[in-house]
């Protein structure tokens, strides 16, 4: 006799098991069967509601595999996901990421309804600076252009001359044809850019709570424990950590590196769930996982994503005047290119 396991009002039925088997086959090494019996009904219902409502789910690289592989229509970095949303016919976008990412999607697709499953999903880096801080910097350095990392709220982008990604930051800085720039808000990304350019980079003191945890000593200990290890670091890490790495690049660049490299042992110096997701795409390789988790990303769950679809919560809005100015800063960057 087949039994069912209840998840709220949803059952783990033979139909649910069959419909989600392709997902579990992909992530079974990461998710115990008992846990899957609770999650599969949620995934099944999310997939059904997406079709009923006409919605698209975007999942950032740092989301857990159940979201990344189970329910997402698009996976990737924040800007890439926001750009993908502009190209779909669906009018409802559910962004499984943090708040500034959903805002970027709204900036690029103002006519669409953009939802985020948890309004409290913030970001230590994006919240490290305020509009008043930016305005004071502009007063202190009159005429110096402001380059702002995309990992910021819409209101900060709106105060900027141009945005950048972690991949194209150097190209953006040098595109302005000036001797110095204000670079916001990531202190480490600014320092890593400064190492590569003669342009003076005036940095803010913002940091990512995930990437600032990594140390050179930790990476060296991994090398001793795992012979032949190739280390890939995100440029939000300290310059010392980046100097210890074999490759430094954005999340997209990291994925591309693993895709193209013959390296059999790889450490991604970034959020741990990304390693889980890359591992599933490369079962022939060993992803050494440091298990440094982003508490903000983990506020997005299958449960609140289902509630977001059911009840239209929580809608992200950007005031028109802020959106127009933020969009201009993004558009200027996109003219240069992403350089992934």
C-alpha atoms as a PDB file:
ATOM      1  CA  UNK A   1       0.000   0.000   0.000  1.00  0.00           C
ATOM      2  CA  UNK A   2       1.270   3.494  -0.897  1.00  0.00           C
ATOM      3  CA  UNK A   3       1.322   5.949   1.961  1.00  0.00           C
ATOM      4  CA  UNK A   4       1.332   9.720   1.775  1.00  0.00           C
ATOM      5  CA  UNK A   5       3.290  12.256   3.759  1.00  0.00           C
ATOM      6  CA  UNK A   6       1.514  15.509   4.473  1.00  0.00           C
ATOM      7  CA  UNK A   7       3.025  18.952   3.914  1.00  0.00           C
ATOM      8  CA  UNK A   8       0.421  21.464   5.055  1.00  0.00           C
ATOM      9  CA  UNK A   9      -2.475  20.752   2.715  1.00  0.00           C
ATOM     10  CA  UNK A  10      -0.291  18.990   0.135  1.00  0.00           C
ATOM     11  CA  UNK A  11       0.288  15.254  -0.081  1.00  0.00           C
ATOM     12  CA  UNK A  12       3.196  13.227  -1.368  1.00  0.00           C
ATOM     13  CA  UNK A  13       1.184  11.114  -3.779  1.00  0.00           C
ATOM     14  CA  UNK A  14       2.341   8.736  -6.503  1.00  0.00           C
ATOM     15  CA  UNK A  15       1.401  11.442  -9.016  1.00  0.00           C
ATOM     16  CA  UNK A  16       3.578  14.003  -7.224  1.00  0.00           C
ATOM     17  CA  UNK A  17       6.435  11.515  -6.991  1.00  0.00           C
ATOM     18  CA  UNK A  18       6.252  10.780 -10.708  1.00  0.00           C
ATOM     19  CA  UNK A  19       5.966  14.432 -11.737  1.00  0.00           C
ATOM     20  CA  UNK A  20       8.993  15.495  -9.659  1.00  0.00           C
ATOM     21  CA  UNK A  21      11.179  12.415 -10.149  1.00  0.00           C
ATOM     22  CA  UNK A  22      13.362  14.200 -12.714  1.00  0.00           C
ATOM     23  CA  UNK A  23      14.205  16.882 -10.161  1.00  0.00           C
ATOM     24  CA  UNK A  24      15.018  14.427  -7.400  1.00  0.00           C
ATOM     25  CA  UNK A  25      17.232  12.409  -9.699  1.00  0.00           C
ATOM     26  CA  UNK A  26      19.353  15.525 -10.162  1.00  0.00           C
ATOM     27  CA  UNK A  27      19.659  16.471  -6.474  1.00  0.00           C
ATOM     28  CA  UNK A  28      19.261  13.143  -4.656  1.00  0.00           C
ATOM     29  CA  UNK A  29      22.887  13.227  -3.495  1.00  0.00           C
ATOM     30  CA  UNK A  30      22.096  16.412  -1.578  1.00  0.00           C
ATOM     31  CA  UNK A  31      18.554  15.822  -0.309  1.00  0.00           C
ATOM     32  CA  UNK A  32      17.594  12.786   1.836  1.00  0.00           C
ATOM     33  CA  UNK A  33      14.488  10.933   0.710  1.00  0.00           C
ATOM     34  CA  UNK A  34      12.577  11.748   3.890  1.00  0.00           C
ATOM     35  CA  UNK A  35      13.196  15.455   3.300  1.00  0.00           C
ATOM     36  CA  UNK A  36      12.271  15.140  -0.365  1.00  0.00           C
ATOM     37  CA  UNK A  37       8.868  13.655   0.515  1.00  0.00           C
ATOM     38  CA  UNK A  38       8.103  16.928   2.288  1.00  0.00           C
ATOM     39  CA  UNK A  39       9.461  19.153  -0.456  1.00  0.00           C
ATOM     40  CA  UNK A  40       8.229  17.450  -3.618  1.00  0.00           C
ATOM     41  CA  UNK A  41       4.558  18.436  -3.048  1.00  0.00           C
ATOM     42  CA  UNK A  42       5.628  22.072  -2.687  1.00  0.00           C
ATOM     43  CA  UNK A  43       7.635  21.915  -5.904  1.00  0.00           C
ATOM     44  CA  UNK A  44       4.771  20.225  -7.716  1.00  0.00           C
ATOM     45  CA  UNK A  45       2.286  22.869  -6.594  1.00  0.00           C
ATOM     46  CA  UNK A  46       4.638  25.736  -7.481  1.00  0.00           C
ATOM     47  CA  UNK A  47       5.086  24.325 -10.970  1.00  0.00           C
ATOM     48  CA  UNK A  48       1.318  23.991 -11.343  1.00  0.00           C
ATOM     49  CA  UNK A  49       0.647  27.537 -10.128  1.00  0.00           C
ATOM     50  CA  UNK A  50       3.275  29.004 -12.454  1.00  0.00           C
ATOM     51  CA  UNK A  51       1.349  27.619 -15.391  1.00  0.00           C
ATOM     52  CA  UNK A  52      -2.012  28.692 -14.024  1.00  0.00           C
ATOM     53  CA  UNK A  53      -0.964  32.263 -13.264  1.00  0.00           C
ATOM     54  CA  UNK A  54       1.502  32.762 -16.086  1.00  0.00           C
ATOM     55  CA  UNK A  55       4.548  33.400 -13.908  1.00  0.00           C
ATOM     56  CA  UNK A  56       8.297  32.979 -14.276  1.00  0.00           C
ATOM     57  CA  UNK A  57      10.584  32.067 -11.372  1.00  0.00           C
ATOM     58  CA  UNK A  58      14.128  33.454 -11.303  1.00  0.00           C
ATOM     59  CA  UNK A  59      16.669  31.790  -8.987  1.00  0.00           C
ATOM     60  CA  UNK A  60      20.008  33.267  -8.053  1.00  0.00           C
ATOM     61  CA  UNK A  61      23.097  31.047  -7.964  1.00  0.00           C
ATOM     62  CA  UNK A  62      23.024  31.139  -4.149  1.00  0.00           C
ATOM     63  CA  UNK A  63      19.600  29.501  -3.844  1.00  0.00           C
ATOM     64  CA  UNK A  64      19.327  25.933  -2.549  1.00  0.00           C
ATOM     65  CA  UNK A  65      19.195  23.176  -5.195  1.00  0.00           C
ATOM     66  CA  UNK A  66      15.500  22.485  -4.525  1.00  0.00           C
ATOM     67  CA  UNK A  67      14.738  26.011  -5.733  1.00  0.00           C
ATOM     68  CA  UNK A  68      17.544  26.308  -8.268  1.00  0.00           C
ATOM     69  CA  UNK A  69      16.772  23.041 -10.068  1.00  0.00           C
ATOM     70  CA  UNK A  70      13.259  22.353  -8.844  1.00  0.00           C
ATOM     71  CA  UNK A  71      11.215  25.436  -9.721  1.00  0.00           C
ATOM     72  CA  UNK A  72      13.357  28.015 -11.544  1.00  0.00           C
ATOM     73  CA  UNK A  73      12.817  28.948 -15.169  1.00  0.00           C
ATOM     74  CA  UNK A  74      16.062  30.928 -15.204  1.00  0.00           C
ATOM     75  CA  UNK A  75      19.165  30.576 -13.032  1.00  0.00           C
ATOM     76  CA  UNK A  76      22.192  32.832 -12.760  1.00  0.00           C
ATOM     77  CA  UNK A  77      23.500  36.103 -11.379  1.00  0.00           C
ATOM     78  CA  UNK A  78      21.306  39.032 -10.404  1.00  0.00           C
ATOM     79  CA  UNK A  79      21.725  41.166 -13.521  1.00  0.00           C
ATOM     80  CA  UNK A  80      21.459  38.224 -15.890  1.00  0.00           C
ATOM     81  CA  UNK A  81      18.200  37.189 -14.265  1.00  0.00           C
ATOM     82  CA  UNK A  82      16.771  40.713 -14.454  1.00  0.00           C
ATOM     83  CA  UNK A  83      17.683  40.825 -18.133  1.00  0.00           C
ATOM     84  CA  UNK A  84      16.073  37.425 -18.723  1.00  0.00           C
ATOM     85  CA  UNK A  85      12.831  38.735 -17.246  1.00  0.00           C
ATOM     86  CA  UNK A  86      12.645  41.391 -19.957  1.00  0.00           C
ATOM     87  CA  UNK A  87      12.565  38.735 -22.657  1.00  0.00           C
ATOM     88  CA  UNK A  88       9.635  36.601 -21.456  1.00  0.00           C
ATOM     89  CA  UNK A  89       5.947  37.079 -22.195  1.00  0.00           C
ATOM     90  CA  UNK A  90       4.804  36.303 -18.658  1.00  0.00           C
ATOM     91  CA  UNK A  91       3.689  39.355 -16.696  1.00  0.00           C
ATOM     92  CA  UNK A  92       4.509  38.003 -13.224  1.00  0.00           C
ATOM     93  CA  UNK A  93       8.117  37.538 -12.123  1.00  0.00           C
ATOM     94  CA  UNK A  94       8.946  35.768  -8.850  1.00  0.00           C
ATOM     95  CA  UNK A  95      12.530  36.576  -7.877  1.00  0.00           C
ATOM     96  CA  UNK A  96      14.151  34.008  -5.604  1.00  0.00           C
ATOM     97  CA  UNK A  97      16.955  36.255  -4.461  1.00  0.00           C
ATOM     98  CA  UNK A  98      17.393  39.309  -2.256  1.00  0.00           C
ATOM     99  CA  UNK A  99      15.533  42.594  -2.426  1.00  0.00           C
ATOM    100  CA  UNK A 100      17.915  44.692  -4.522  1.00  0.00           C
ATOM    101  CA  UNK A 101      17.841  41.984  -7.198  1.00  0.00           C
ATOM    102  CA  UNK A 102      14.061  42.127  -7.439  1.00  0.00           C
ATOM    103  CA  UNK A 103      14.323  45.915  -7.681  1.00  0.00           C
ATOM    104  CA  UNK A 104      16.711  45.592 -10.619  1.00  0.00           C
ATOM    105  CA  UNK A 105      14.208  43.326 -12.360  1.00  0.00           C
ATOM    106  CA  UNK A 106      11.513  45.954 -11.775  1.00  0.00           C
ATOM    107  CA  UNK A 107      13.771  48.702 -13.135  1.00  0.00           C
ATOM    108  CA  UNK A 108      14.290  46.777 -16.358  1.00  0.00           C
ATOM    109  CA  UNK A 109      10.678  45.536 -16.580  1.00  0.00           C
ATOM    110  CA  UNK A 110       8.534  48.301 -15.059  1.00  0.00           C
ATOM    111  CA  UNK A 111       5.361  47.034 -16.737  1.00  0.00           C
ATOM    112  CA  UNK A 112       5.597  43.629 -15.067  1.00  0.00           C
ATOM    113  CA  UNK A 113       4.614  42.525 -11.577  1.00  0.00           C
ATOM    114  CA  UNK A 114       7.755  41.560  -9.670  1.00  0.00           C
ATOM    115  CA  UNK A 115       7.337  39.512  -6.497  1.00  0.00           C
ATOM    116  CA  UNK A 116       9.838  38.535  -3.821  1.00  0.00           C
ATOM    117  CA  UNK A 117       8.840  35.698  -1.477  1.00  0.00           C
ATOM    118  CA  UNK A 118      10.282  37.362   1.638  1.00  0.00           C
ATOM    119  CA  UNK A 119      10.570  41.135   2.084  1.00  0.00           C
ATOM    120  CA  UNK A 120      13.202  40.648   4.790  1.00  0.00           C
ATOM    121  CA  UNK A 121      15.641  39.077   2.329  1.00  0.00           C
ATOM    122  CA  UNK A 122      18.137  41.927   2.333  1.00  0.00           C
ATOM    123  CA  UNK A 123      21.890  42.189   1.820  1.00  0.00           C
ATOM    124  CA  UNK A 124      24.661  43.375   4.134  1.00  0.00           C
ATOM    125  CA  UNK A 125      26.497  44.952   1.214  1.00  0.00           C
ATOM    126  CA  UNK A 126      23.542  46.777  -0.327  1.00  0.00           C
ATOM    127  CA  UNK A 127      22.501  48.053   3.098  1.00  0.00           C
ATOM    128  CA  UNK A 128      25.972  49.361   3.960  1.00  0.00           C
ATOM    129  CA  UNK A 129      25.331  52.749   2.338  1.00  0.00           C
ATOM    130  CA  UNK A 130      22.482  55.248   2.217  1.00  0.00           C
ATOM    131  CA  UNK A 131      21.389  57.914  -0.239  1.00  0.00           C
ATOM    132  CA  UNK A 132      22.628  60.561   2.199  1.00  0.00           C
ATOM    133  CA  UNK A 133      26.044  58.882   2.283  1.00  0.00           C
ATOM    134  CA  UNK A 134      26.276  59.049  -1.511  1.00  0.00           C
ATOM    135  CA  UNK A 135      25.258  62.690  -1.599  1.00  0.00           C
ATOM    136  CA  UNK A 136      27.865  63.578   1.025  1.00  0.00           C
ATOM    137  CA  UNK A 137      30.553  61.812  -1.008  1.00  0.00           C
ATOM    138  CA  UNK A 138      29.519  63.764  -4.097  1.00  0.00           C
ATOM    139  CA  UNK A 139      29.795  67.007  -2.108  1.00  0.00           C
ATOM    140  CA  UNK A 140      33.228  65.982  -0.804  1.00  0.00           C
ATOM    141  CA  UNK A 141      34.476  65.059  -4.278  1.00  0.00           C
ATOM    142  CA  UNK A 142      32.692  67.446  -6.646  1.00  0.00           C
ATOM    143  CA  UNK A 143      32.715  66.397 -10.261  1.00  0.00           C
ATOM    144  CA  UNK A 144      34.066  62.904  -9.534  1.00  0.00           C
ATOM    145  CA  UNK A 145      31.821  60.312 -11.202  1.00  0.00           C
ATOM    146  CA  UNK A 146      30.111  57.671  -9.086  1.00  0.00           C
ATOM    147  CA  UNK A 147      30.449  54.038 -10.139  1.00  0.00           C
ATOM    148  CA  UNK A 148      28.017  51.803  -8.272  1.00  0.00           C
ATOM    149  CA  UNK A 149      28.038  48.035  -8.036  1.00  0.00           C
ATOM    150  CA  UNK A 150      24.751  46.448  -9.149  1.00  0.00           C
ATOM    151  CA  UNK A 151      24.457  44.899  -5.675  1.00  0.00           C
ATOM    152  CA  UNK A 152      22.736  48.024  -4.388  1.00  0.00           C
ATOM    153  CA  UNK A 153      19.184  49.337  -3.931  1.00  0.00           C
ATOM    154  CA  UNK A 154      17.499  51.275  -6.714  1.00  0.00           C
ATOM    155  CA  UNK A 155      17.803  54.514  -4.744  1.00  0.00           C
ATOM    156  CA  UNK A 156      21.611  54.194  -4.675  1.00  0.00           C
ATOM    157  CA  UNK A 157      21.778  53.368  -8.372  1.00  0.00           C
ATOM    158  CA  UNK A 158      19.697  56.492  -9.005  1.00  0.00           C
ATOM    159  CA  UNK A 159      22.384  58.644  -7.342  1.00  0.00           C
ATOM    160  CA  UNK A 160      25.092  57.166  -9.580  1.00  0.00           C
ATOM    161  CA  UNK A 161      26.596  58.021 -12.933  1.00  0.00           C
ATOM    162  CA  UNK A 162      27.000  54.405 -13.993  1.00  0.00           C
ATOM    163  CA  UNK A 163      26.648  50.886 -12.598  1.00  0.00           C
ATOM    164  CA  UNK A 164      29.039  47.962 -12.869  1.00  0.00           C
ATOM    165  CA  UNK A 165      29.149  44.246 -12.216  1.00  0.00           C
ATOM    166  CA  UNK A 166      31.960  42.348 -10.533  1.00  0.00           C
ATOM    167  CA  UNK A 167      32.972  41.187 -14.014  1.00  0.00           C
ATOM    168  CA  UNK A 168      33.108  44.529 -15.825  1.00  0.00           C
ATOM    169  CA  UNK A 169      34.073  46.868 -12.957  1.00  0.00           C
ATOM    170  CA  UNK A 170      37.533  47.674 -14.347  1.00  0.00           C
ATOM    171  CA  UNK A 171      36.164  48.287 -17.852  1.00  0.00           C
ATOM    172  CA  UNK A 172      33.469  50.593 -16.480  1.00  0.00           C
ATOM    173  CA  UNK A 173      35.928  52.580 -14.375  1.00  0.00           C
ATOM    174  CA  UNK A 174      38.294  53.073 -17.302  1.00  0.00           C
ATOM    175  CA  UNK A 175      35.470  53.869 -19.743  1.00  0.00           C
ATOM    176  CA  UNK A 176      34.827  57.180 -18.016  1.00  0.00           C
ATOM    177  CA  UNK A 177      38.138  58.694 -19.115  1.00  0.00           C
ATOM    178  CA  UNK A 178      38.837  60.316 -15.740  1.00  0.00           C
ATOM    179  CA  UNK A 179      41.678  60.206 -13.227  1.00  0.00           C
ATOM    180  CA  UNK A 180      39.579  59.072 -10.269  1.00  0.00           C
ATOM    181  CA  UNK A 181      36.169  57.698  -9.438  1.00  0.00           C
ATOM    182  CA  UNK A 182      33.985  57.122  -6.408  1.00  0.00           C
ATOM    183  CA  UNK A 183      33.332  53.369  -6.235  1.00  0.00           C
ATOM    184  CA  UNK A 184      30.395  52.093  -4.167  1.00  0.00           C
ATOM    185  CA  UNK A 185      29.789  50.246  -1.925  1.00  0.00           C
ATOM    186  CA  UNK A 186      32.087  47.186  -1.855  1.00  0.00           C
ATOM    187  CA  UNK A 187      35.452  47.929  -0.261  1.00  0.00           C
ATOM    188  CA  UNK A 188      37.065  44.698  -1.428  1.00  0.00           C
ATOM    189  CA  UNK A 189      35.799  44.885  -5.003  1.00  0.00           C
ATOM    190  CA  UNK A 190      37.087  48.463  -5.133  1.00  0.00           C
ATOM    191  CA  UNK A 191      40.496  47.332  -3.858  1.00  0.00           C
ATOM    192  CA  UNK A 192      40.668  44.533  -6.413  1.00  0.00           C
ATOM    193  CA  UNK A 193      39.800  46.968  -9.196  1.00  0.00           C
ATOM    194  CA  UNK A 194      42.417  49.415  -7.925  1.00  0.00           C
ATOM    195  CA  UNK A 195      45.104  46.744  -8.362  1.00  0.00           C
ATOM    196  CA  UNK A 196      44.270  46.574 -12.081  1.00  0.00           C
ATOM    197  CA  UNK A 197      43.927  50.237 -13.048  1.00  0.00           C
ATOM    198  CA  UNK A 198      45.782  53.539 -12.804  1.00  0.00           C
ATOM    199  CA  UNK A 199      42.505  55.346 -12.094  1.00  0.00           C
ATOM    200  CA  UNK A 200      42.280  56.389  -8.441  1.00  0.00           C
ATOM    201  CA  UNK A 201      39.424  54.482  -6.819  1.00  0.00           C
ATOM    202  CA  UNK A 202      37.764  56.177  -3.844  1.00  0.00           C
ATOM    203  CA  UNK A 203      36.141  53.322  -1.941  1.00  0.00           C
ATOM    204  CA  UNK A 204      33.306  52.940   0.556  1.00  0.00           C
ATOM    205  CA  UNK A 205      33.582  50.541   3.524  1.00  0.00           C
ATOM    206  CA  UNK A 206      30.826  48.120   2.556  1.00  0.00           C
ATOM    207  CA  UNK A 207      31.407  44.367   2.639  1.00  0.00           C
ATOM    208  CA  UNK A 208      29.537  41.151   1.931  1.00  0.00           C
ATOM    209  CA  UNK A 209      29.105  39.141   5.140  1.00  0.00           C
ATOM    210  CA  UNK A 210      29.754  35.925   3.220  1.00  0.00           C
ATOM    211  CA  UNK A 211      32.851  36.854   1.236  1.00  0.00           C
ATOM    212  CA  UNK A 212      34.582  38.769   4.007  1.00  0.00           C
ATOM    213  CA  UNK A 213      34.758  35.579   6.103  1.00  0.00           C
ATOM    214  CA  UNK A 214      37.307  33.835   3.889  1.00  0.00           C
ATOM    215  CA  UNK A 215      40.993  34.036   4.813  1.00  0.00           C
ATOM    216  CA  UNK A 216      44.289  33.180   3.138  1.00  0.00           C
ATOM    217  CA  UNK A 217      45.055  30.695   5.923  1.00  0.00           C
ATOM    218  CA  UNK A 218      41.766  28.884   5.240  1.00  0.00           C
ATOM    219  CA  UNK A 219      42.516  28.585   1.525  1.00  0.00           C
ATOM    220  CA  UNK A 220      46.030  27.281   2.213  1.00  0.00           C
ATOM    221  CA  UNK A 221      44.606  24.688   4.586  1.00  0.00           C
ATOM    222  CA  UNK A 222      42.257  23.515   1.830  1.00  0.00           C
ATOM    223  CA  UNK A 223      45.193  23.199  -0.571  1.00  0.00           C
ATOM    224  CA  UNK A 224      47.041  20.982   1.917  1.00  0.00           C
ATOM    225  CA  UNK A 225      43.994  18.814   2.522  1.00  0.00           C
ATOM    226  CA  UNK A 226      43.002  18.479  -1.155  1.00  0.00           C
ATOM    227  CA  UNK A 227      45.988  17.999  -3.494  1.00  0.00           C
ATOM    228  CA  UNK A 228      45.530  19.454  -6.956  1.00  0.00           C
ATOM    229  CA  UNK A 229      42.810  21.849  -5.747  1.00  0.00           C
ATOM    230  CA  UNK A 230      41.964  24.775  -8.040  1.00  0.00           C
ATOM    231  CA  UNK A 231      40.617  27.771  -6.115  1.00  0.00           C
ATOM    232  CA  UNK A 232      38.190  30.231  -7.695  1.00  0.00           C
ATOM    233  CA  UNK A 233      37.445  33.403  -5.711  1.00  0.00           C
ATOM    234  CA  UNK A 234      34.777  36.046  -6.055  1.00  0.00           C
ATOM    235  CA  UNK A 235      36.149  39.624  -6.223  1.00  0.00           C
ATOM    236  CA  UNK A 236      34.021  40.557  -3.201  1.00  0.00           C
ATOM    237  CA  UNK A 237      36.693  38.673  -1.214  1.00  0.00           C
ATOM    238  CA  UNK A 238      39.661  40.529   0.214  1.00  0.00           C
ATOM    239  CA  UNK A 239      42.606  41.312  -2.108  1.00  0.00           C
ATOM    240  CA  UNK A 240      44.729  38.896  -0.058  1.00  0.00           C
ATOM    241  CA  UNK A 241      42.261  36.045  -0.620  1.00  0.00           C
ATOM    242  CA  UNK A 242      41.987  36.896  -4.308  1.00  0.00           C
ATOM    243  CA  UNK A 243      45.775  36.892  -4.517  1.00  0.00           C
ATOM    244  CA  UNK A 244      45.844  33.365  -3.114  1.00  0.00           C
ATOM    245  CA  UNK A 245      43.250  32.098  -5.620  1.00  0.00           C
ATOM    246  CA  UNK A 246      44.013  30.562  -9.020  1.00  0.00           C
ATOM    247  CA  UNK A 247      41.185  32.515 -10.668  1.00  0.00           C
ATOM    248  CA  UNK A 248      39.094  35.527  -9.676  1.00  0.00           C
ATOM    249  CA  UNK A 249      35.741  36.205 -11.274  1.00  0.00           C
ATOM    250  CA  UNK A 250      32.020  36.787 -10.961  1.00  0.00           C
ATOM    251  CA  UNK A 251      29.592  33.967 -10.207  1.00  0.00           C
ATOM    252  CA  UNK A 252      28.956  33.567 -13.942  1.00  0.00           C
ATOM    253  CA  UNK A 253      32.685  33.556 -14.679  1.00  0.00           C
ATOM    254  CA  UNK A 254      33.199  30.904 -12.009  1.00  0.00           C
ATOM    255  CA  UNK A 255      30.551  28.667 -13.567  1.00  0.00           C
ATOM    256  CA  UNK A 256      32.079  29.177 -17.004  1.00  0.00           C
ATOM    257  CA  UNK A 257      35.523  28.311 -15.647  1.00  0.00           C
ATOM    258  CA  UNK A 258      34.309  25.011 -14.191  1.00  0.00           C
ATOM    259  CA  UNK A 259      32.446  24.258 -17.432  1.00  0.00           C
ATOM    260  CA  UNK A 260      35.584  24.718 -19.539  1.00  0.00           C
ATOM    261  CA  UNK A 261      38.348  23.603 -17.194  1.00  0.00           C
ATOM    262  CA  UNK A 262      39.877  20.141 -16.860  1.00  0.00           C
ATOM    263  CA  UNK A 263      40.319  20.734 -13.121  1.00  0.00           C
ATOM    264  CA  UNK A 264      38.964  17.777 -11.132  1.00  0.00           C
ATOM    265  CA  UNK A 265      38.987  19.423  -7.687  1.00  0.00           C
ATOM    266  CA  UNK A 266      37.582  22.910  -7.364  1.00  0.00           C
ATOM    267  CA  UNK A 267      36.868  25.229  -4.451  1.00  0.00           C
ATOM    268  CA  UNK A 268      34.459  28.116  -5.064  1.00  0.00           C
ATOM    269  CA  UNK A 269      35.249  30.884  -2.599  1.00  0.00           C
ATOM    270  CA  UNK A 270      31.699  32.153  -2.422  1.00  0.00           C
ATOM    271  CA  UNK A 271      28.275  31.179  -1.025  1.00  0.00           C
ATOM    272  CA  UNK A 272      27.999  27.443  -0.366  1.00  0.00           C
ATOM    273  CA  UNK A 273      24.758  26.689  -2.229  1.00  0.00           C
ATOM    274  CA  UNK A 274      26.422  27.751  -5.450  1.00  0.00           C
ATOM    275  CA  UNK A 275      28.893  24.894  -4.959  1.00  0.00           C
ATOM    276  CA  UNK A 276      25.975  22.492  -4.522  1.00  0.00           C
ATOM    277  CA  UNK A 277      24.393  23.701  -7.747  1.00  0.00           C
ATOM    278  CA  UNK A 278      27.625  23.556  -9.745  1.00  0.00           C
ATOM    279  CA  UNK A 279      28.351  20.086  -8.349  1.00  0.00           C
ATOM    280  CA  UNK A 280      25.084  18.756  -9.753  1.00  0.00           C
ATOM    281  CA  UNK A 281      26.037  20.083 -13.184  1.00  0.00           C
ATOM    282  CA  UNK A 282      29.459  18.393 -12.925  1.00  0.00           C
ATOM    283  CA  UNK A 283      29.101  15.010 -11.202  1.00  0.00           C
ATOM    284  CA  UNK A 284      32.488  13.992 -12.610  1.00  0.00           C
ATOM    285  CA  UNK A 285      34.279  16.701 -10.612  1.00  0.00           C
ATOM    286  CA  UNK A 286      34.802  17.206  -6.904  1.00  0.00           C
ATOM    287  CA  UNK A 287      33.495  20.518  -5.575  1.00  0.00           C
ATOM    288  CA  UNK A 288      35.098  21.237  -2.215  1.00  0.00           C
ATOM    289  CA  UNK A 289      32.439  23.139  -0.300  1.00  0.00           C
ATOM    290  CA  UNK A 290      33.362  25.622   2.461  1.00  0.00           C
ATOM    291  CA  UNK A 291      29.694  25.837   3.574  1.00  0.00           C
ATOM    292  CA  UNK A 292      29.628  29.586   4.139  1.00  0.00           C
ATOM    293  CA  UNK A 293      25.934  30.415   3.831  1.00  0.00           C
ATOM    294  CA  UNK A 294      24.178  33.719   3.167  1.00  0.00           C
ATOM    295  CA  UNK A 295      21.436  34.099   5.793  1.00  0.00           C
ATOM    296  CA  UNK A 296      19.567  36.546   3.545  1.00  0.00           C
ATOM    297  CA  UNK A 297      19.409  34.184   0.571  1.00  0.00           C
ATOM    298  CA  UNK A 298      18.235  31.408   2.873  1.00  0.00           C
ATOM    299  CA  UNK A 299      15.180  33.483   3.783  1.00  0.00           C
ATOM    300  CA  UNK A 300      13.785  32.404   0.425  1.00  0.00           C
ATOM    301  CA  UNK A 301      12.144  28.988   0.793  1.00  0.00           C
ATOM    302  CA  UNK A 302       9.829  26.713  -1.145  1.00  0.00           C
ATOM    303  CA  UNK A 303       7.101  27.542   1.353  1.00  0.00           C
ATOM    304  CA  UNK A 304       7.224  31.318   0.952  1.00  0.00           C
ATOM    305  CA  UNK A 305       7.730  31.025  -2.803  1.00  0.00           C
ATOM    306  CA  UNK A 306       4.499  29.030  -2.978  1.00  0.00           C
ATOM    307  CA  UNK A 307       2.757  31.668  -0.847  1.00  0.00           C
ATOM    308  CA  UNK A 308       4.120  34.381  -3.136  1.00  0.00           C
ATOM    309  CA  UNK A 309       2.492  32.720  -6.134  1.00  0.00           C
ATOM    310  CA  UNK A 310      -0.755  31.975  -4.319  1.00  0.00           C
ATOM    311  CA  UNK A 311      -1.307  35.385  -2.779  1.00  0.00           C
ATOM    312  CA  UNK A 312       0.748  37.750  -4.945  1.00  0.00           C
ATOM    313  CA  UNK A 313       3.132  38.591  -2.148  1.00  0.00           C
ATOM    314  CA  UNK A 314       5.316  40.576  -1.909  1.00  0.00           C
ATOM    315  CA  UNK A 315       5.204  43.031  -4.783  1.00  0.00           C
ATOM    316  CA  UNK A 316       8.325  45.111  -5.364  1.00  0.00           C
ATOM    317  CA  UNK A 317       7.881  48.657  -6.576  1.00  0.00           C
ATOM    318  CA  UNK A 318      10.328  51.391  -7.552  1.00  0.00           C
ATOM    319  CA  UNK A 319       9.086  55.002  -7.735  1.00  0.00           C
ATOM    320  CA  UNK A 320       9.108  56.285 -11.342  1.00  0.00           C
ATOM    321  CA  UNK A 321      11.646  59.067 -10.729  1.00  0.00           C
ATOM    322  CA  UNK A 322      14.034  56.672  -8.991  1.00  0.00           C
ATOM    323  CA  UNK A 323      13.509  54.031 -11.654  1.00  0.00           C
ATOM    324  CA  UNK A 324      14.304  56.417 -14.511  1.00  0.00           C
ATOM    325  CA  UNK A 325      17.590  57.553 -12.975  1.00  0.00           C
ATOM    326  CA  UNK A 326      18.590  54.051 -11.903  1.00  0.00           C
ATOM    327  CA  UNK A 327      17.749  52.739 -15.355  1.00  0.00           C
ATOM    328  CA  UNK A 328      20.032  55.348 -16.919  1.00  0.00           C
ATOM    329  CA  UNK A 329      22.964  54.176 -14.757  1.00  0.00           C
ATOM    330  CA  UNK A 330      22.277  50.563 -15.737  1.00  0.00           C
ATOM    331  CA  UNK A 331      21.860  51.423 -19.420  1.00  0.00           C
ATOM    332  CA  UNK A 332      25.210  53.213 -19.485  1.00  0.00           C
ATOM    333  CA  UNK A 333      26.849  50.092 -18.097  1.00  0.00           C
ATOM    334  CA  UNK A 334      25.107  47.789 -20.554  1.00  0.00           C
ATOM    335  CA  UNK A 335      26.431  49.878 -23.433  1.00  0.00           C
ATOM    336  CA  UNK A 336      29.921  48.846 -22.299  1.00  0.00           C
ATOM    337  CA  UNK A 337      28.950  45.206 -21.871  1.00  0.00           C
ATOM    338  CA  UNK A 338      28.862  42.696 -19.037  1.00  0.00           C
ATOM    339  CA  UNK A 339      32.234  41.036 -19.786  1.00  0.00           C
ATOM    340  CA  UNK A 340      31.344  37.718 -18.153  1.00  0.00           C
END
